[in-house]
C-alpha atoms as a PDB file:
ATOM      1  CA  MET A   1     -52.048-133.205 147.899  1.00  0.00           C
ATOM      2  CA  LYS A   2     -55.377-134.843 148.636  1.00  0.00           C
ATOM      3  CA  GLU A   3     -56.394-134.981 152.296  1.00  0.00           C
ATOM      4  CA  TYR A   4     -56.562-138.480 153.747  1.00  0.00           C
ATOM      5  CA  PHE A   5     -59.673-139.610 155.622  1.00  0.00           C
ATOM      6  CA  ASP A   6     -60.211-143.115 156.896  1.00  0.00           C
ATOM      7  CA  GLU A   7     -62.986-145.058 158.529  1.00  0.00           C
ATOM      8  CA  GLU A   8     -60.838-146.071 161.498  1.00  0.00           C
ATOM      9  CA  GLY A   9     -60.365-142.445 162.564  1.00  0.00           C
ATOM     10  CA  LEU A  10     -64.092-141.837 162.230  1.00  0.00           C
ATOM     11  CA  LEU A  11     -64.803-144.889 164.378  1.00  0.00           C
ATOM     12  CA  LYS A  12     -62.453-143.522 167.063  1.00  0.00           C
ATOM     13  CA  VAL A  13     -64.421-140.253 167.141  1.00  0.00           C
ATOM     14  CA  ILE A  14     -67.690-142.205 167.338  1.00  0.00           C
ATOM     15  CA  LYS A  15     -66.341-144.252 170.287  1.00  0.00           C
ATOM     16  CA  ILE A  16     -65.364-141.021 172.059  1.00  0.00           C
ATOM     17  CA  PHE A  17     -68.868-139.625 171.557  1.00  0.00           C
ATOM     18  CA  GLU A  18     -70.417-142.858 172.829  1.00  0.00           C
ATOM     19  CA  LEU A  19     -68.286-142.695 175.972  1.00  0.00           C
ATOM     20  CA  SER A  20     -69.224-139.020 176.389  1.00  0.00           C
ATOM     21  CA  GLU A  21     -72.884-139.986 176.153  1.00  0.00           C
ATOM     22  CA  GLU A  22     -72.485-142.703 178.802  1.00  0.00           C
ATOM     23  CA  ILE A  23     -70.709-140.287 181.169  1.00  0.00           C
ATOM     24  CA  THR A  24     -73.384-137.637 180.632  1.00  0.00           C
ATOM     25  CA  LYS A  25     -76.178-140.130 181.341  1.00  0.00           C
ATOM     26  CA  LEU A  26     -74.404-141.304 184.497  1.00  0.00           C
ATOM     27  CA  THR A  27     -73.840-137.756 185.715  1.00  0.00           C
ATOM     28  CA  TRP A  28     -77.431-136.691 185.077  1.00  0.00           C
ATOM     29  CA  ASN A  29     -78.957-139.855 186.578  1.00  0.00           C
ATOM     30  CA  TRP A  30     -76.403-140.536 189.304  1.00  0.00           C
ATOM     31  CA  ASN A  31     -78.991-141.394 191.986  1.00  0.00           C
ATOM     32  CA  ASN A  32     -80.870-143.739 189.644  1.00  0.00           C
ATOM     33  CA  TYR A  33     -77.895-146.110 189.318  1.00  0.00           C
ATOM     34  CA  SER A  34     -77.681-148.923 191.862  1.00  0.00           C
ATOM     35  CA  ASP A  35     -73.885-148.549 192.040  1.00  0.00           C
ATOM     36  CA  PRO A  36     -72.773-145.331 190.307  1.00  0.00           C
ATOM     37  CA  VAL A  37     -69.204-145.598 191.616  1.00  0.00           C
ATOM     38  CA  LYS A  38     -68.821-149.045 190.039  1.00  0.00           C
ATOM     39  CA  GLU A  39     -70.285-147.639 186.821  1.00  0.00           C
ATOM     40  CA  THR A  40     -67.735-144.809 186.967  1.00  0.00           C
ATOM     41  CA  HIS A  41     -64.897-147.321 187.317  1.00  0.00           C
ATOM     42  CA  GLU A  42     -66.169-149.179 184.251  1.00  0.00           C
ATOM     43  CA  LEU A  43     -66.412-145.969 182.218  1.00  0.00           C
ATOM     44  CA  MET A  44     -62.901-144.936 183.250  1.00  0.00           C
ATOM     45  CA  ASP A  45     -61.623-148.364 182.145  1.00  0.00           C
ATOM     46  CA  LYS A  46     -63.324-147.857 178.773  1.00  0.00           C
ATOM     47  CA  GLY A  47     -61.776-144.394 178.521  1.00  0.00           C
ATOM     48  CA  GLN A  48     -58.293-145.643 179.318  1.00  0.00           C
ATOM     49  CA  LYS A  49     -58.531-148.382 176.666  1.00  0.00           C
ATOM     50  CA  LEU A  50     -59.876-145.888 174.155  1.00  0.00           C
ATOM     51  CA  PHE A  51     -57.039-143.414 174.786  1.00  0.00           C
ATOM     52  CA  LEU A  52     -54.522-146.225 174.263  1.00  0.00           C
ATOM     53  CA  GLU A  53     -56.271-147.165 170.997  1.00  0.00           C
ATOM     54  CA  ILE A  54     -56.151-143.562 169.825  1.00  0.00           C
ATOM     55  CA  SER A  55     -52.475-143.159 170.709  1.00  0.00           C
ATOM     56  CA  GLU A  56     -51.639-146.356 168.852  1.00  0.00           C
ATOM     57  CA  TYR A  57     -53.728-145.222 165.881  1.00  0.00           C
ATOM     58  CA  GLU A  58     -52.037-141.808 165.703  1.00  0.00           C
ATOM     59  CA  GLN A  59     -48.578-143.396 165.936  1.00  0.00           C
ATOM     60  CA  ARG A  60     -49.409-145.914 163.220  1.00  0.00           C
ATOM     61  CA  MET A  61     -51.059-143.435 160.840  1.00  0.00           C
ATOM     62  CA  GLY A  62     -48.601-140.619 161.476  1.00  0.00           C
ATOM     63  CA  SER A  63     -48.382-138.086 158.682  1.00  0.00           C
ATOM     64  CA  LYS A  64     -51.087-139.852 156.640  1.00  0.00           C
ATOM     65  CA  LEU A  65     -53.736-138.264 158.878  1.00  0.00           C
ATOM     66  CA  SER A  66     -55.155-135.007 157.658  1.00  0.00           C
ATOM     67  CA  VAL A  67     -55.122-131.987 159.945  1.00  0.00           C
ATOM     68  CA  TYR A  68     -58.927-132.051 159.800  1.00  0.00           C
ATOM     69  CA  GLN A  69     -59.085-135.662 160.983  1.00  0.00           C
ATOM     70  CA  LYS A  70     -56.523-135.089 163.743  1.00  0.00           C
ATOM     71  CA  ASN A  71     -58.502-132.047 164.915  1.00  0.00           C
ATOM     72  CA  LYS A  72     -61.755-134.035 164.963  1.00  0.00           C
ATOM     73  CA  ILE A  73     -60.184-136.652 167.218  1.00  0.00           C
ATOM     74  CA  HIS A  74     -58.480-134.110 169.478  1.00  0.00           C
ATOM     75  CA  ASN A  75     -61.650-131.983 169.791  1.00  0.00           C
ATOM     76  CA  ALA A  76     -63.707-135.049 170.711  1.00  0.00           C
ATOM     77  CA  ILE A  77     -61.126-136.000 173.366  1.00  0.00           C
ATOM     78  CA  GLU A  78     -61.100-132.444 174.707  1.00  0.00           C
ATOM     79  CA  ASN A  79     -64.899-132.421 174.960  1.00  0.00           C
ATOM     80  CA  LEU A  80     -64.826-135.777 176.737  1.00  0.00           C
ATOM     81  CA  GLY A  81     -62.334-134.339 179.207  1.00  0.00           C
ATOM     82  CA  LYS A  82     -64.742-131.509 179.989  1.00  0.00           C
ATOM     83  CA  LEU A  83     -67.264-134.061 181.287  1.00  0.00           C
ATOM     84  CA  ILE A  84     -64.917-135.600 183.840  1.00  0.00           C
ATOM     85  CA  PRO A  85     -65.209-132.773 186.433  1.00  0.00           C
ATOM     86  CA  TYR A  86     -69.003-133.210 186.474  1.00  0.00           C
ATOM     87  CA  MET A  87     -68.579-136.880 187.279  1.00  0.00           C
ATOM     88  CA  LYS A  88     -65.898-136.129 189.885  1.00  0.00           C
ATOM     89  CA  ASN A  89     -68.319-133.754 191.629  1.00  0.00           C
ATOM     90  CA  LYS A  90     -70.769-136.636 192.087  1.00  0.00           C
ATOM     91  CA  ILE A  91     -68.218-138.814 193.891  1.00  0.00           C
ATOM     92  CA  LYS A  92     -68.152-138.178 197.616  1.00  0.00           C
ATOM     93  CA  PRO A  93     -65.727-140.117 199.802  1.00  0.00           C
ATOM     94  CA  SER A  94     -67.509-141.702 202.719  1.00  0.00           C
ATOM     95  CA  GLU A  95     -66.944-140.175 206.133  1.00  0.00           C
ATOM     96  CA  SER A  96     -65.465-143.406 207.445  1.00  0.00           C
ATOM     97  CA  LEU A  97     -62.782-143.304 204.773  1.00  0.00           C
ATOM     98  CA  GLU A  98     -62.048-139.655 205.491  1.00  0.00           C
ATOM     99  CA  ASN A  99     -61.631-140.434 209.208  1.00  0.00           C
ATOM    100  CA  ARG A 100     -59.151-143.226 208.484  1.00  0.00           C
ATOM    101  CA  VAL A 101     -57.001-140.967 206.319  1.00  0.00           C
ATOM    102  CA  GLU A 102     -56.398-138.454 209.116  1.00  0.00           C
END
């Protein structure tokens, strides 16, 4: 049986890499952004939409997807997930918020 590869799956991987690049740039240049927390919210929104797209794609394509193509998508998602802790480390709740929580 010939393995199935499609452009849509490749585009999903490219979108994941683009989001990874944006997160990396934000993390490395955190203090150069006028509102890095707002930027983080926007990137998380992009990520959420992308994960929904990928889930829909995998459900729709099902067994047509090759193991190779599934692995490419899953590896890209896993690598993206590894960037999130770096971004989380940059976010510091303000002291006034911490005092209100107590």
